[in-house]
Amino acid sequence: MNAVFLLFVLCTLRDVISAANNTAKKLSHESSLPSVFIIGAMKAGTTSLSQIFRAHKEFCHDELKEKNFFSFDQNYKHGKQWYMKTFPNCSASVSLDATPTYFSDPETPKRLKEFFSPQELRRKKFVLILREPVSRLYSEYQFRHRGCLRYLKSHPSSTTNDHMQSPFCMRMLPDTYTKSKKPFVDISTATMEQLAKQLLDFPSFLQVDHGLTAMKRSDYHEHWARWLEVVRRDQLFVVNFKTLISQSNDILSRLRVFLHLESDWSANTTLPKPISHVDYDSGMSCDLRAQLVKRYEREGPQLAKDISAGLINKLEPPFPAFDPALEAPPCIKSRPKIPSSSSSNSSTPSPGNSKQKKTQPSSSPTKLVK
C-alpha cells in the first residue's frame, strides 16, 4: 500500500514538474519574441532587408513584416498576448519585428521599456537604416503619390468621401478636400497629370497631418537621443542607406556577426535599387528644396559624430555624414502654378507647426518649411 502511494506521489510530482518546465519554456520563448527589430527609417530599405532576414533559415518565417505594435495606440492596448499572436508558430531561434515607424515614434522606446524586463530588453538587437533626410521625405511622398493615383484611376468616383477609402489618398489630401462631399475634380475624365497637379503635389502634402509627420520622421537627431535613453549603443546596428546599397554584401556579413547567426545568407542575396522616378510627379521647386536642406542641416556631420560616439564594437561600417545640399533630390527652377481647389485661398501654414489650421494648398511653395 505504501509502495503504491509512493508511486502515485512520484508520478504526480513528475507531472507537476513537467508542466512547470513546459510553462517556463513557453514564457521564456514568449519573452524572447521578437529577438531582432528593424526600427527604421521608413523608405530606407527596411522592406528589402526584412525579406532577406526572413529568407534566412534561422529566422522565423512569419508573413507580417510590420507589427506596428509599439507605435500604434490601438495595437498596444491589446496587450502582450495579442502581440505574441503576430508570431504564429515561430519556433525559429531568431524572430523579427520590422516596423519602420518605430524609430521616429516617440512612444515606442518608452513602451519597449515597459513591455520587457531589463534583462529581456538587454538581449534585443536593433537594426537602423538612415537615409539622407530630404530624399527620405520625398520618397515617402512619392510612395503615397503612387498609391493614391493608382486608387483614383481604378475608382473613378466623384466625391472625396469615396476616395478616403484609400489609406494612400487619406494621407495625401488636405481637410478642405476630405471634408467636402462635392466633386473637386472630375476623375473620370481628368488626366493623370491633372490629378497630380490639382491634388497630389509635394507642397500640398507638406501641409496635411501626414506630411507634417513625414517631415518629423527625418528629424533623426531627436529620435536618436530618445532611443539611447532606453537601449545601449551596442544593441544598435546603424548603417547609411547609401552604404547599404553600394556595399550590401559587406553589410550583410557584418549583420550576420551582429545577430549571432551560424549559417550564411541565402545565395544570390541582393538589395534592389531605390525607385527614383514616379509618373506624373510634378517635382520639387528649388525654393522648397533649399528650405528643406536648411531644416535638416543638423542631420549632417553632427549626426554622424553622435552615431559614432559610444560605439564599442567594430561591426558597423563608418557612417558617412549626410550632405543634403548635394544628396537631396534635384529640383526644378520653375514649376506650373497649382490650381486652387476653390475661389477662396487662405494663408499657407508652416509644416513646422502642426497645430496651425490647415488650409487649401497654396499655389506658391514659399515659406513652407521652418
Protein backbone atom coordinates (compact mmCIF):
# COMPACT_ATOMS: atom_id res chain seq x y z
CA MET A 1 0.00 0.00 0.00
CA ASN A 2 2.82 2.37 0.90
CA ALA A 3 4.63 1.46 -2.31
CA VAL A 4 1.53 2.22 -4.39
CA PHE A 5 1.03 5.53 -2.62
CA LEU A 6 4.69 6.44 -3.09
CA LEU A 7 4.47 5.61 -6.79
CA PHE A 8 1.37 7.79 -7.07
CA VAL A 9 3.13 10.70 -5.38
CA LEU A 10 6.20 10.32 -7.61
CA CYS A 11 4.09 10.26 -10.78
CA THR A 12 2.11 13.30 -9.67
CA LEU A 13 5.30 15.15 -8.82
CA ARG A 14 6.74 14.23 -12.21
CA ASP A 15 3.67 15.61 -13.98
CA VAL A 16 3.78 18.83 -11.95
CA ILE A 17 7.47 19.35 -12.70
CA SER A 18 6.95 18.61 -16.40
CA ALA A 19 4.07 21.09 -16.62
CA ALA A 20 6.11 23.71 -14.80
CA ASN A 21 9.03 23.19 -17.16
CA ASN A 22 6.77 23.50 -20.20
CA THR A 23 5.25 26.68 -18.83
CA ALA A 24 8.69 28.11 -18.12
CA LYS A 25 9.86 27.25 -21.62
CA LYS A 26 6.76 28.86 -23.12
CA LEU A 27 7.19 32.01 -21.05
CA SER A 28 10.89 32.11 -21.88
CA HIS A 29 10.13 31.74 -25.59
CA GLU A 30 7.46 34.44 -25.43
CA SER A 31 9.73 36.85 -23.60
CA SER A 32 12.33 36.39 -26.33
CA LEU A 33 9.89 37.42 -29.06
CA PRO A 34 10.99 39.21 -31.06
CA SER A 35 14.75 38.91 -30.79
CA VAL A 36 15.51 41.37 -33.61
CA PHE A 37 13.90 44.68 -34.56
CA ILE A 38 14.31 46.69 -37.76
CA ILE A 39 13.18 50.06 -36.45
CA GLY A 40 13.56 52.30 -39.50
CA ALA A 41 13.77 54.54 -41.16
CA MET A 42 10.74 54.47 -43.42
CA LYS A 43 11.65 54.44 -47.14
CA ALA A 44 15.23 53.41 -46.38
CA GLY A 45 15.27 49.78 -47.48
CA THR A 46 13.60 48.17 -44.47
CA THR A 47 11.28 46.00 -46.58
CA SER A 48 14.12 44.61 -48.68
CA LEU A 49 16.28 43.92 -45.65
CA SER A 50 13.43 42.23 -43.78
CA GLN A 51 12.82 39.96 -46.78
CA ILE A 52 16.48 38.94 -46.72
CA PHE A 53 16.25 38.25 -42.99
CA ARG A 54 13.13 36.12 -43.36
CA ALA A 55 14.72 34.08 -46.13
CA HIS A 56 17.46 33.02 -43.71
CA LYS A 57 16.82 29.57 -42.24
CA GLU A 58 17.45 30.70 -38.66
CA PHE A 59 14.73 33.37 -38.85
CA CYS A 60 11.05 32.84 -38.21
CA HIS A 61 9.15 32.93 -41.49
CA ASP A 62 6.01 34.73 -40.38
CA GLU A 63 4.36 36.77 -43.12
CA LEU A 64 3.57 40.01 -41.29
CA LYS A 65 6.52 42.38 -41.69
CA GLU A 66 5.25 45.42 -39.80
CA LYS A 67 3.71 44.52 -36.47
CA ASN A 68 3.07 48.20 -35.60
CA PHE A 69 2.53 47.11 -32.02
CA PHE A 70 4.56 49.67 -30.10
CA SER A 71 3.85 52.60 -32.40
CA PHE A 72 0.07 52.19 -32.85
CA ASP A 73 -2.01 53.02 -29.78
CA GLN A 74 -4.86 50.72 -30.79
CA ASN A 75 -2.48 47.77 -31.18
CA TYR A 76 -0.56 48.38 -27.97
CA LYS A 77 -3.78 48.44 -25.98
CA HIS A 78 -4.41 44.81 -27.00
CA GLY A 79 -1.54 43.71 -24.76
CA LYS A 80 1.15 41.06 -24.78
CA GLN A 81 -0.92 38.07 -25.84
CA TRP A 82 -2.12 39.92 -28.93
CA TYR A 83 1.47 40.76 -29.83
CA MET A 84 2.60 37.15 -29.34
CA LYS A 85 -0.07 36.02 -31.79
CA THR A 86 1.61 38.05 -34.53
CA PHE A 87 4.41 35.47 -34.38
CA PRO A 88 2.44 32.33 -35.32
CA ASN A 89 4.30 29.03 -34.98
CA CYS A 90 7.53 30.94 -34.56
CA SER A 91 9.84 28.29 -33.16
CA ALA A 92 12.93 29.50 -35.00
CA SER A 93 15.81 30.84 -32.97
CA VAL A 94 15.51 34.37 -34.41
CA SER A 95 12.24 36.30 -34.68
CA LEU A 96 11.76 39.69 -36.30
CA ASP A 97 9.59 42.76 -35.97
CA ALA A 98 10.38 45.08 -38.89
CA THR A 99 8.33 48.22 -38.29
CA PRO A 100 9.99 51.33 -39.76
CA THR A 101 7.83 53.76 -37.79
CA TYR A 102 9.38 52.63 -34.50
CA PHE A 103 12.45 54.85 -34.79
CA SER A 104 10.53 58.10 -35.20
CA ASP A 105 7.62 57.27 -32.90
CA PRO A 106 8.09 58.97 -29.51
CA GLU A 107 6.14 56.29 -27.62
CA THR A 108 7.96 53.20 -28.89
CA PRO A 109 11.14 53.41 -26.77
CA LYS A 110 9.10 54.00 -23.61
CA ARG A 111 6.77 51.12 -24.41
CA LEU A 112 9.66 48.76 -25.06
CA LYS A 113 10.97 49.58 -21.60
CA GLU A 114 7.53 48.91 -20.09
CA PHE A 115 6.90 45.75 -22.08
CA PHE A 116 10.15 43.87 -21.48
CA SER A 117 12.08 43.33 -18.28
CA PRO A 118 15.53 44.97 -18.16
CA GLN A 119 17.13 41.57 -18.76
CA GLU A 120 14.87 40.80 -21.72
CA LEU A 121 15.34 44.22 -23.29
CA ARG A 122 19.09 43.97 -22.96
CA ARG A 123 19.09 40.88 -25.20
CA LYS A 124 17.28 42.57 -28.09
CA LYS A 125 19.05 43.65 -31.28
CA PHE A 126 18.02 46.74 -33.25
CA VAL A 127 18.88 47.48 -36.88
CA LEU A 128 18.53 51.05 -38.13
CA ILE A 129 18.96 52.30 -41.69
CA LEU A 130 19.14 56.06 -42.14
CA ARG A 131 18.69 57.81 -45.48
CA GLU A 132 19.54 61.39 -46.40
CA PRO A 133 16.58 63.21 -44.79
CA VAL A 134 15.24 65.19 -47.77
CA SER A 135 15.48 62.12 -50.03
CA ARG A 136 13.71 60.01 -47.43
CA LEU A 137 10.92 62.58 -47.09
CA TYR A 138 10.46 62.91 -50.83
CA SER A 139 10.49 59.14 -51.27
CA GLU A 140 7.67 58.83 -48.73
CA TYR A 141 5.72 61.47 -50.62
CA GLN A 142 6.25 59.56 -53.89
CA PHE A 143 5.12 56.35 -52.21
CA ARG A 144 1.84 57.97 -51.13
CA HIS A 145 1.55 59.68 -54.51
CA ARG A 146 1.79 56.40 -56.43
CA GLY A 147 -0.71 54.65 -54.22
CA CYS A 148 -3.31 57.40 -54.35
CA LEU A 149 -3.09 57.91 -58.11
CA ARG A 150 -3.46 54.18 -58.63
CA TYR A 151 -6.57 54.17 -56.47
CA LEU A 152 -8.13 57.26 -58.04
CA LYS A 153 -7.83 55.89 -61.55
CA SER A 154 -9.20 52.48 -60.59
CA HIS A 155 -12.10 54.03 -58.62
CA PRO A 156 -13.46 56.94 -60.72
CA SER A 157 -15.77 58.33 -58.05
CA SER A 158 -16.94 61.93 -57.85
CA THR A 159 -16.75 62.61 -54.10
CA THR A 160 -13.88 62.73 -51.67
CA ASN A 161 -15.66 60.52 -49.15
CA ASP A 162 -15.27 57.65 -51.59
CA HIS A 163 -11.61 58.49 -52.11
CA MET A 164 -10.99 58.34 -48.41
CA GLN A 165 -11.45 54.59 -48.58
CA SER A 166 -7.86 54.52 -49.80
CA PRO A 167 -5.30 54.94 -46.99
CA PHE A 168 -2.91 56.42 -49.53
CA CYS A 169 -5.33 59.19 -50.52
CA MET A 170 -6.34 59.76 -46.92
CA ARG A 171 -2.70 60.62 -46.20
CA MET A 172 -2.39 62.97 -49.18
CA LEU A 173 -5.43 65.21 -49.32
CA PRO A 174 -5.97 68.34 -47.16
CA ASP A 175 -9.02 68.73 -44.93
CA THR A 176 -10.55 71.14 -47.43
CA TYR A 177 -10.88 68.13 -49.75
CA THR A 178 -11.51 65.32 -47.30
CA LYS A 179 -14.41 67.08 -45.54
CA SER A 180 -16.14 68.03 -48.77
CA LYS A 181 -18.87 65.97 -50.37
CA LYS A 182 -18.73 67.93 -53.59
CA PRO A 183 -16.73 66.90 -56.62
CA PHE A 184 -13.35 68.61 -56.53
CA VAL A 185 -12.19 67.16 -59.84
CA ASP A 186 -13.84 65.00 -62.46
CA ILE A 187 -11.70 61.92 -62.06
CA SER A 188 -13.47 60.04 -64.82
CA THR A 189 -12.19 62.49 -67.43
CA ALA A 190 -9.12 64.06 -65.77
CA THR A 191 -5.70 63.04 -66.97
CA MET A 192 -3.18 61.64 -64.56
CA GLU A 193 -1.18 64.83 -64.90
CA GLN A 194 -4.19 66.97 -63.96
CA LEU A 195 -4.88 64.81 -60.91
CA ALA A 196 -1.28 65.06 -59.79
CA LYS A 197 -1.18 68.83 -60.14
CA GLN A 198 -4.54 69.54 -58.52
CA LEU A 199 -4.49 67.05 -55.66
CA LEU A 200 -1.15 65.44 -55.01
CA ASP A 201 1.66 67.96 -55.39
CA PHE A 202 4.55 67.96 -52.91
CA PRO A 203 3.88 71.38 -51.27
CA SER A 204 0.28 70.36 -50.55
CA PHE A 205 1.44 67.10 -49.00
CA LEU A 206 3.66 69.02 -46.57
CA GLN A 207 0.60 70.88 -45.27
CA VAL A 208 -1.50 67.87 -44.23
CA ASP A 209 -1.02 65.97 -40.98
CA HIS A 210 0.68 63.00 -42.61
CA GLY A 211 3.03 65.33 -44.46
CA LEU A 212 3.98 67.04 -41.21
CA THR A 213 4.58 63.64 -39.64
CA ALA A 214 6.69 62.63 -42.63
CA MET A 215 8.90 65.68 -42.11
CA LYS A 216 9.32 64.80 -38.44
CA ARG A 217 10.43 61.30 -39.36
CA SER A 218 13.58 62.79 -40.88
CA ASP A 219 14.49 64.63 -37.67
CA TYR A 220 16.98 61.89 -36.84
CA HIS A 221 18.80 63.77 -34.08
CA GLU A 222 15.69 63.96 -31.95
CA HIS A 223 14.81 60.29 -32.39
CA TRP A 224 18.38 59.10 -31.84
CA ALA A 225 18.65 60.79 -28.46
CA ARG A 226 15.33 59.28 -27.37
CA TRP A 227 16.41 55.73 -28.24
CA LEU A 228 19.72 55.99 -26.42
CA GLU A 229 17.78 56.67 -23.24
CA VAL A 230 16.32 53.15 -23.44
CA VAL A 231 18.79 50.85 -25.20
CA ARG A 232 22.56 50.56 -25.12
CA ARG A 233 24.61 51.68 -28.08
CA ASP A 234 25.98 48.18 -28.70
CA GLN A 235 22.42 46.88 -29.20
CA LEU A 236 22.07 49.11 -32.28
CA PHE A 237 23.47 48.43 -35.73
CA VAL A 238 23.26 51.66 -37.72
CA VAL A 239 24.01 51.92 -41.42
CA ASN A 240 23.76 54.67 -44.01
CA PHE A 241 21.28 53.81 -46.76
CA LYS A 242 23.81 54.58 -49.48
CA THR A 243 26.33 52.28 -47.84
CA LEU A 244 23.74 49.52 -47.58
CA ILE A 245 23.02 49.76 -51.31
CA SER A 246 26.62 50.11 -52.51
CA GLN A 247 28.20 47.62 -50.09
CA SER A 248 25.35 45.21 -49.43
CA ASN A 249 27.47 42.04 -49.23
CA ASP A 250 29.79 43.58 -46.68
CA ILE A 251 26.89 44.93 -44.61
CA LEU A 252 25.14 41.55 -44.62
CA SER A 253 28.35 39.87 -43.45
CA ARG A 254 28.59 42.34 -40.60
CA LEU A 255 24.92 41.84 -39.73
CA ARG A 256 25.40 38.08 -39.60
CA VAL A 257 28.02 38.52 -36.89
CA PHE A 258 25.98 41.17 -35.08
CA LEU A 259 22.94 38.89 -34.96
CA HIS A 260 24.99 35.81 -34.00
CA LEU A 261 23.78 33.78 -36.96
CA GLU A 262 25.54 30.47 -37.51
CA SER A 263 24.76 29.98 -41.20
CA ASP A 264 25.30 32.34 -44.10
CA TRP A 265 22.66 34.22 -46.06
CA SER A 266 20.81 32.67 -48.98
CA ALA A 267 22.61 32.54 -52.29
CA ASN A 268 22.25 35.49 -54.67
CA THR A 269 21.06 37.80 -51.90
CA THR A 270 20.83 41.32 -53.30
CA LEU A 271 19.16 44.57 -52.36
CA PRO A 272 17.07 46.30 -55.03
CA LYS A 273 17.91 49.81 -56.16
CA PRO A 274 15.56 52.52 -54.86
CA ILE A 275 12.85 53.86 -57.14
CA SER A 276 13.86 57.33 -58.25
CA HIS A 277 11.07 58.13 -60.72
CA VAL A 278 7.33 58.37 -60.27
CA ASP A 279 4.95 59.01 -63.16
CA TYR A 280 3.29 62.43 -63.16
CA ASP A 281 5.39 63.69 -60.29
CA SER A 282 5.27 67.49 -60.54
CA GLY A 283 8.65 67.76 -58.84
CA MET A 284 10.17 69.84 -56.08
CA SER A 285 10.87 73.54 -56.57
CA CYS A 286 14.39 74.78 -55.85
CA ASP A 287 12.97 77.20 -53.28
CA LEU A 288 11.31 74.39 -51.34
CA ARG A 289 14.39 72.18 -51.67
CA ALA A 290 16.53 74.95 -50.16
CA GLN A 291 14.12 75.27 -47.23
CA LEU A 292 14.25 71.54 -46.55
CA VAL A 293 18.03 71.44 -46.81
CA LYS A 294 18.15 74.24 -44.23
CA ARG A 295 15.75 72.39 -41.94
CA TYR A 296 17.87 69.25 -41.90
CA GLU A 297 21.27 70.87 -41.50
CA ARG A 298 21.91 69.25 -38.14
CA GLU A 299 21.35 65.80 -39.63
CA GLY A 300 24.76 66.12 -41.33
CA PRO A 301 28.21 65.96 -39.66
CA GLN A 302 26.87 66.32 -36.12
CA LEU A 303 24.55 63.34 -36.51
CA ALA A 304 27.37 61.21 -37.93
CA LYS A 305 29.54 62.18 -34.98
CA ASP A 306 26.81 61.28 -32.49
CA ILE A 307 26.19 57.92 -34.16
CA SER A 308 29.89 57.07 -33.94
CA ALA A 309 30.13 58.18 -30.31
CA GLY A 310 30.00 55.35 -27.78
CA LEU A 311 30.37 52.66 -30.42
CA ILE A 312 32.21 49.77 -28.78
CA ASN A 313 32.15 47.05 -31.42
CA LYS A 314 33.72 47.38 -34.83
CA LEU A 315 30.92 45.61 -36.67
CA GLU A 316 29.33 48.76 -38.03
CA PRO A 317 30.84 50.35 -41.12
CA PRO A 318 31.85 54.02 -40.93
CA PHE A 319 28.78 56.24 -41.11
CA PRO A 320 29.35 58.96 -43.75
CA ALA A 321 27.72 62.26 -42.90
CA PHE A 322 24.70 63.29 -44.92
CA ASP A 323 25.07 66.33 -47.13
CA PRO A 324 21.50 67.36 -48.02
CA ALA A 325 22.75 70.16 -50.28
CA LEU A 326 24.40 67.54 -52.52
CA GLU A 327 22.31 64.43 -51.86
CA ALA A 328 18.76 65.81 -51.83
CA PRO A 329 16.66 65.12 -54.94
CA PRO A 330 17.18 67.52 -57.86
CA CYS A 331 14.82 70.46 -58.09
CA ILE A 332 13.19 72.37 -60.90
CA LYS A 333 13.75 76.12 -61.20
CA SER A 334 10.19 76.78 -62.26
CA ARG A 335 7.03 74.75 -61.99
CA PRO A 336 3.44 75.20 -63.22
CA LYS A 337 1.11 77.08 -60.92
CA ILE A 338 -1.02 74.61 -58.99
CA PRO A 339 -4.71 75.42 -59.36
CA SER A 340 -6.56 76.19 -56.15
CA SER A 341 -9.45 73.89 -55.23
CA SER A 342 -11.80 76.85 -54.72
CA SER A 343 -12.01 80.58 -55.20
CA SER A 344 -11.06 81.32 -51.57
CA ASN A 345 -7.43 80.98 -50.65
CA SER A 346 -6.17 81.14 -47.07
CA SER A 347 -2.65 81.71 -45.92
CA THR A 348 -0.28 78.78 -46.08
CA PRO A 349 0.60 77.20 -42.71
CA SER A 350 4.10 76.15 -41.88
CA PRO A 351 4.82 72.43 -41.54
CA GLY A 352 6.94 73.37 -38.56
CA ASN A 353 3.78 73.86 -36.50
CA SER A 354 1.25 71.05 -36.71
CA LYS A 355 -1.29 72.96 -34.59
CA GLN A 356 -1.90 75.61 -37.21
CA LYS A 357 -5.14 75.45 -39.09
CA LYS A 358 -4.80 73.52 -42.35
CA THR A 359 -5.85 75.35 -45.48
CA GLN A 360 -6.14 74.68 -49.15
CA PRO A 361 -2.88 74.08 -50.96
CA SER A 362 -1.15 77.27 -51.94
CA SER A 363 -0.01 77.88 -55.48
CA SER A 364 3.30 79.07 -54.12
CA PRO A 365 5.75 76.72 -52.35
CA THR A 366 7.48 79.54 -50.48
CA LYS A 367 7.65 79.69 -46.68
CA LEU A 368 6.55 76.08 -46.29
CA VAL A 369 9.33 74.93 -44.01
CA LYS A 370 10.59 76.32 -40.74
